[in-house]
């Protein structure tokens, strides 16, 4: 457990287990563990699929290809591709974060990754039908329109601010 994030999460787990023990004893601790196991069981197929996709991307897409199309040299073209990819990406964070991590390790730039994740969250085309149904077309179109500039703008800003530190960032997320 060299990873600080894992250490922090394990500390939070220990604190929550202690709090549950204090509030309800072993019964409450076991109830929490059982609820967590049920959630894991529900998302396990999604996690497996996401990590298989990430692995397949890693072996099928060469580092040279990622660097050419999504690396720092790609500039605004890479950020635009990342925005489109984020908008088209199905699923939630269990799907797109493993893919983003593989792209980072394969040579994608900081700006591309920020644009990808931001577009996924703001432009997700798979979410639009539900948004239309529940919020109506006027609000949906208004929300989508005012967010159009955000993913490419944040991608460009991230590249400008942090692009020179991409190798340090890559090292920080390697396991």
C-alpha atoms as a PDB file:
ATOM      1  CA  UNK A   1       0.000   0.000   0.000  1.00  0.00           C
ATOM      2  CA  UNK A   2       2.464   2.633  -1.177  1.00  0.00           C
ATOM      3  CA  UNK A   3      -0.279   4.683  -2.761  1.00  0.00           C
ATOM      4  CA  UNK A   4      -1.369   7.626  -0.599  1.00  0.00           C
ATOM      5  CA  UNK A   5      -4.900   7.545  -1.964  1.00  0.00           C
ATOM      6  CA  UNK A   6      -5.286   3.909  -0.915  1.00  0.00           C
ATOM      7  CA  UNK A   7      -3.815   4.699   2.491  1.00  0.00           C
ATOM      8  CA  UNK A   8      -6.240   7.593   2.939  1.00  0.00           C
ATOM      9  CA  UNK A   9      -9.210   5.451   1.890  1.00  0.00           C
ATOM     10  CA  UNK A  10      -8.172   2.683   4.297  1.00  0.00           C
ATOM     11  CA  UNK A  11      -7.930   5.247   7.093  1.00  0.00           C
ATOM     12  CA  UNK A  12     -11.446   6.473   6.258  1.00  0.00           C
ATOM     13  CA  UNK A  13     -12.679   2.854   6.265  1.00  0.00           C
ATOM     14  CA  UNK A  14     -11.134   2.276   9.690  1.00  0.00           C
ATOM     15  CA  UNK A  15     -12.666   5.477  11.079  1.00  0.00           C
ATOM     16  CA  UNK A  16     -16.106   4.619   9.693  1.00  0.00           C
ATOM     17  CA  UNK A  17     -15.912   1.076  11.083  1.00  0.00           C
ATOM     18  CA  UNK A  18     -14.979   2.507  14.485  1.00  0.00           C
ATOM     19  CA  UNK A  19     -17.848   4.998  14.296  1.00  0.00           C
ATOM     20  CA  UNK A  20     -20.295   2.231  13.326  1.00  0.00           C
ATOM     21  CA  UNK A  21     -18.985   0.068  16.171  1.00  0.00           C
ATOM     22  CA  UNK A  22     -19.432   2.942  18.619  1.00  0.00           C
ATOM     23  CA  UNK A  23     -22.976   3.691  17.427  1.00  0.00           C
ATOM     24  CA  UNK A  24     -24.338   0.172  16.986  1.00  0.00           C
ATOM     25  CA  UNK A  25     -21.701  -2.437  17.715  1.00  0.00           C
ATOM     26  CA  UNK A  26     -20.990  -5.445  15.572  1.00  0.00           C
ATOM     27  CA  UNK A  27     -24.488  -5.481  14.038  1.00  0.00           C
ATOM     28  CA  UNK A  28     -24.052  -2.010  12.520  1.00  0.00           C
ATOM     29  CA  UNK A  29     -20.519  -2.811  11.309  1.00  0.00           C
ATOM     30  CA  UNK A  30     -21.756  -6.000   9.614  1.00  0.00           C
ATOM     31  CA  UNK A  31     -24.729  -4.155   8.093  1.00  0.00           C
ATOM     32  CA  UNK A  32     -22.352  -1.603   6.579  1.00  0.00           C
ATOM     33  CA  UNK A  33     -20.045  -4.309   5.252  1.00  0.00           C
ATOM     34  CA  UNK A  34     -23.018  -6.167   3.764  1.00  0.00           C
ATOM     35  CA  UNK A  35     -24.342  -3.012   2.065  1.00  0.00           C
ATOM     36  CA  UNK A  36     -20.877  -2.369   0.633  1.00  0.00           C
ATOM     37  CA  UNK A  37     -20.643  -5.960  -0.633  1.00  0.00           C
ATOM     38  CA  UNK A  38     -24.074  -5.649  -2.306  1.00  0.00           C
ATOM     39  CA  UNK A  39     -22.977  -2.458  -4.047  1.00  0.00           C
ATOM     40  CA  UNK A  40     -19.745  -4.111  -5.193  1.00  0.00           C
ATOM     41  CA  UNK A  41     -21.711  -7.080  -6.549  1.00  0.00           C
ATOM     42  CA  UNK A  42     -24.017  -4.709  -8.477  1.00  0.00           C
ATOM     43  CA  UNK A  43     -21.191  -2.747 -10.119  1.00  0.00           C
ATOM     44  CA  UNK A  44     -18.766  -5.651 -10.590  1.00  0.00           C
ATOM     45  CA  UNK A  45     -19.841  -6.419 -14.196  1.00  0.00           C
ATOM     46  CA  UNK A  46     -19.466  -2.731 -15.070  1.00  0.00           C
ATOM     47  CA  UNK A  47     -16.038  -2.584 -13.411  1.00  0.00           C
ATOM     48  CA  UNK A  48     -14.860  -5.705 -15.221  1.00  0.00           C
ATOM     49  CA  UNK A  49     -16.081  -4.349 -18.572  1.00  0.00           C
ATOM     50  CA  UNK A  50     -14.434  -0.959 -17.963  1.00  0.00           C
ATOM     51  CA  UNK A  51     -11.086  -2.491 -17.052  1.00  0.00           C
ATOM     52  CA  UNK A  52     -11.199  -4.891 -20.012  1.00  0.00           C
ATOM     53  CA  UNK A  53     -11.904  -1.922 -22.306  1.00  0.00           C
ATOM     54  CA  UNK A  54      -9.016  -0.019 -20.722  1.00  0.00           C
ATOM     55  CA  UNK A  55      -6.741  -3.040 -21.183  1.00  0.00           C
ATOM     56  CA  UNK A  56      -7.786  -3.510 -24.795  1.00  0.00           C
ATOM     57  CA  UNK A  57      -7.137   0.157 -25.528  1.00  0.00           C
ATOM     58  CA  UNK A  58      -3.710  -0.247 -23.980  1.00  0.00           C
ATOM     59  CA  UNK A  59      -2.764  -3.176 -26.226  1.00  0.00           C
ATOM     60  CA  UNK A  60      -4.576  -2.143 -29.420  1.00  0.00           C
ATOM     61  CA  UNK A  61      -3.783   1.574 -29.526  1.00  0.00           C
ATOM     62  CA  UNK A  62      -0.099   2.322 -29.750  1.00  0.00           C
ATOM     63  CA  UNK A  63       1.588   4.977 -27.657  1.00  0.00           C
ATOM     64  CA  UNK A  64       2.634   6.675 -30.894  1.00  0.00           C
ATOM     65  CA  UNK A  65      -1.000   6.853 -32.024  1.00  0.00           C
ATOM     66  CA  UNK A  66      -2.150   8.348 -28.708  1.00  0.00           C
ATOM     67  CA  UNK A  67       0.726  10.819 -28.703  1.00  0.00           C
ATOM     68  CA  UNK A  68       0.009  11.832 -32.311  1.00  0.00           C
ATOM     69  CA  UNK A  69      -3.742  12.301 -31.909  1.00  0.00           C
ATOM     70  CA  UNK A  70      -4.091  13.157 -28.205  1.00  0.00           C
ATOM     71  CA  UNK A  71      -0.644  14.241 -27.047  1.00  0.00           C
ATOM     72  CA  UNK A  72       0.666  17.751 -26.519  1.00  0.00           C
ATOM     73  CA  UNK A  73       1.643  18.019 -30.178  1.00  0.00           C
ATOM     74  CA  UNK A  74      -2.004  17.476 -31.188  1.00  0.00           C
ATOM     75  CA  UNK A  75      -2.956  20.826 -29.656  1.00  0.00           C
ATOM     76  CA  UNK A  76      -6.561  21.921 -30.166  1.00  0.00           C
ATOM     77  CA  UNK A  77      -7.235  18.953 -32.472  1.00  0.00           C
ATOM     78  CA  UNK A  78      -6.551  16.578 -29.578  1.00  0.00           C
ATOM     79  CA  UNK A  79      -8.726  18.606 -27.233  1.00  0.00           C
ATOM     80  CA  UNK A  80     -11.557  18.604 -29.800  1.00  0.00           C
ATOM     81  CA  UNK A  81     -11.268  14.824 -30.257  1.00  0.00           C
ATOM     82  CA  UNK A  82     -11.311  14.371 -26.489  1.00  0.00           C
ATOM     83  CA  UNK A  83     -14.466  16.487 -26.232  1.00  0.00           C
ATOM     84  CA  UNK A  84     -16.219  14.350 -28.845  1.00  0.00           C
ATOM     85  CA  UNK A  85     -14.989  11.153 -27.180  1.00  0.00           C
ATOM     86  CA  UNK A  86     -16.209  12.324 -23.787  1.00  0.00           C
ATOM     87  CA  UNK A  87     -19.630  13.229 -25.190  1.00  0.00           C
ATOM     88  CA  UNK A  88     -19.980   9.817 -26.855  1.00  0.00           C
ATOM     89  CA  UNK A  89     -18.587   7.749 -23.957  1.00  0.00           C
ATOM     90  CA  UNK A  90     -21.330   5.660 -22.320  1.00  0.00           C
ATOM     91  CA  UNK A  91     -21.412   4.806 -18.635  1.00  0.00           C
ATOM     92  CA  UNK A  92     -20.324   6.472 -15.462  1.00  0.00           C
ATOM     93  CA  UNK A  93     -17.027   7.086 -13.723  1.00  0.00           C
ATOM     94  CA  UNK A  94     -16.295   3.364 -13.414  1.00  0.00           C
ATOM     95  CA  UNK A  95     -16.068   3.321 -17.198  1.00  0.00           C
ATOM     96  CA  UNK A  96     -14.411   6.564 -18.234  1.00  0.00           C
ATOM     97  CA  UNK A  97     -11.806   7.042 -15.477  1.00  0.00           C
ATOM     98  CA  UNK A  98      -9.970   3.761 -16.243  1.00  0.00           C
ATOM     99  CA  UNK A  99      -9.981   4.762 -19.915  1.00  0.00           C
ATOM    100  CA  UNK A 100      -8.686   8.239 -19.057  1.00  0.00           C
ATOM    101  CA  UNK A 101      -5.919   6.677 -16.946  1.00  0.00           C
ATOM    102  CA  UNK A 102      -4.841   4.438 -19.831  1.00  0.00           C
ATOM    103  CA  UNK A 103      -4.851   7.411 -22.205  1.00  0.00           C
ATOM    104  CA  UNK A 104      -2.711   9.396 -19.757  1.00  0.00           C
ATOM    105  CA  UNK A 105      -0.192   6.565 -19.462  1.00  0.00           C
ATOM    106  CA  UNK A 106      -0.222   6.132 -23.239  1.00  0.00           C
ATOM    107  CA  UNK A 107       0.783   9.724 -23.980  1.00  0.00           C
ATOM    108  CA  UNK A 108      -2.375  11.866 -23.908  1.00  0.00           C
ATOM    109  CA  UNK A 109      -1.878  15.433 -22.743  1.00  0.00           C
ATOM    110  CA  UNK A 110      -3.277  16.983 -19.569  1.00  0.00           C
ATOM    111  CA  UNK A 111      -5.560  19.227 -21.611  1.00  0.00           C
ATOM    112  CA  UNK A 112      -6.965  16.265 -23.515  1.00  0.00           C
ATOM    113  CA  UNK A 113      -7.785  14.417 -20.305  1.00  0.00           C
ATOM    114  CA  UNK A 114      -9.436  17.442 -18.712  1.00  0.00           C
ATOM    115  CA  UNK A 115     -11.462  18.045 -21.889  1.00  0.00           C
ATOM    116  CA  UNK A 116     -12.453  14.346 -22.056  1.00  0.00           C
ATOM    117  CA  UNK A 117     -13.663  14.130 -18.457  1.00  0.00           C
ATOM    118  CA  UNK A 118     -15.374  17.531 -18.583  1.00  0.00           C
ATOM    119  CA  UNK A 119     -17.164  16.719 -21.850  1.00  0.00           C
ATOM    120  CA  UNK A 120     -18.248  13.372 -20.430  1.00  0.00           C
ATOM    121  CA  UNK A 121     -19.847  15.141 -17.496  1.00  0.00           C
ATOM    122  CA  UNK A 122     -21.342  18.099 -19.355  1.00  0.00           C
ATOM    123  CA  UNK A 123     -22.105  16.811 -22.853  1.00  0.00           C
ATOM    124  CA  UNK A 124     -22.946  13.141 -22.281  1.00  0.00           C
ATOM    125  CA  UNK A 125     -25.150  12.261 -25.238  1.00  0.00           C
ATOM    126  CA  UNK A 126     -26.354   9.079 -23.548  1.00  0.00           C
ATOM    127  CA  UNK A 127     -27.908  11.215 -20.811  1.00  0.00           C
ATOM    128  CA  UNK A 128     -29.705  13.665 -23.125  1.00  0.00           C
ATOM    129  CA  UNK A 129     -32.883  11.619 -23.709  1.00  0.00           C
ATOM    130  CA  UNK A 130     -33.500  11.357 -19.961  1.00  0.00           C
ATOM    131  CA  UNK A 131     -32.745  15.043 -19.497  1.00  0.00           C
ATOM    132  CA  UNK A 132     -35.180  15.934 -22.299  1.00  0.00           C
ATOM    133  CA  UNK A 133     -37.862  13.715 -20.758  1.00  0.00           C
ATOM    134  CA  UNK A 134     -37.500  15.028 -17.212  1.00  0.00           C
ATOM    135  CA  UNK A 135     -36.481  18.670 -17.698  1.00  0.00           C
ATOM    136  CA  UNK A 136     -37.956  19.403 -21.105  1.00  0.00           C
ATOM    137  CA  UNK A 137     -36.320  20.544 -24.317  1.00  0.00           C
ATOM    138  CA  UNK A 138     -35.993  24.236 -23.400  1.00  0.00           C
ATOM    139  CA  UNK A 139     -33.965  23.682 -20.233  1.00  0.00           C
ATOM    140  CA  UNK A 140     -31.946  20.872 -21.799  1.00  0.00           C
ATOM    141  CA  UNK A 141     -30.991  22.945 -24.847  1.00  0.00           C
ATOM    142  CA  UNK A 142     -30.210  25.947 -22.616  1.00  0.00           C
ATOM    143  CA  UNK A 143     -27.966  23.864 -20.351  1.00  0.00           C
ATOM    144  CA  UNK A 144     -26.221  22.198 -23.259  1.00  0.00           C
ATOM    145  CA  UNK A 145     -25.723  25.510 -25.098  1.00  0.00           C
ATOM    146  CA  UNK A 146     -24.180  27.362 -22.159  1.00  0.00           C
ATOM    147  CA  UNK A 147     -21.794  24.464 -21.477  1.00  0.00           C
ATOM    148  CA  UNK A 148     -20.542  24.097 -25.068  1.00  0.00           C
ATOM    149  CA  UNK A 149     -17.451  26.217 -24.499  1.00  0.00           C
ATOM    150  CA  UNK A 150     -16.526  24.693 -21.118  1.00  0.00           C
ATOM    151  CA  UNK A 151     -14.767  21.392 -22.031  1.00  0.00           C
ATOM    152  CA  UNK A 152     -12.490  22.843 -24.744  1.00  0.00           C
ATOM    153  CA  UNK A 153     -11.821  25.948 -22.662  1.00  0.00           C
ATOM    154  CA  UNK A 154     -10.903  23.917 -19.578  1.00  0.00           C
ATOM    155  CA  UNK A 155      -8.813  21.550 -21.703  1.00  0.00           C
ATOM    156  CA  UNK A 156      -6.853  24.481 -23.139  1.00  0.00           C
ATOM    157  CA  UNK A 157      -6.472  26.099 -19.723  1.00  0.00           C
ATOM    158  CA  UNK A 158      -5.300  22.846 -18.132  1.00  0.00           C
ATOM    159  CA  UNK A 159      -2.768  22.355 -20.909  1.00  0.00           C
ATOM    160  CA  UNK A 160      -1.490  25.898 -20.502  1.00  0.00           C
ATOM    161  CA  UNK A 161      -1.232  25.644 -16.698  1.00  0.00           C
ATOM    162  CA  UNK A 162      -0.131  22.024 -16.262  1.00  0.00           C
ATOM    163  CA  UNK A 163       1.034  20.774 -19.673  1.00  0.00           C
ATOM    164  CA  UNK A 164       4.672  21.235 -18.758  1.00  0.00           C
ATOM    165  CA  UNK A 165       4.213  18.913 -15.785  1.00  0.00           C
ATOM    166  CA  UNK A 166       2.577  16.016 -17.643  1.00  0.00           C
ATOM    167  CA  UNK A 167       5.410  13.569 -16.876  1.00  0.00           C
ATOM    168  CA  UNK A 168       5.233  14.404 -13.162  1.00  0.00           C
ATOM    169  CA  UNK A 169       1.470  13.881 -13.311  1.00  0.00           C
ATOM    170  CA  UNK A 170       1.939  10.530 -15.064  1.00  0.00           C
ATOM    171  CA  UNK A 171       4.416   9.446 -12.422  1.00  0.00           C
ATOM    172  CA  UNK A 172       1.942  10.433  -9.708  1.00  0.00           C
ATOM    173  CA  UNK A 173      -0.762   8.111 -11.036  1.00  0.00           C
ATOM    174  CA  UNK A 174       1.397   5.080 -11.839  1.00  0.00           C
ATOM    175  CA  UNK A 175       0.921   2.123  -9.578  1.00  0.00           C
END
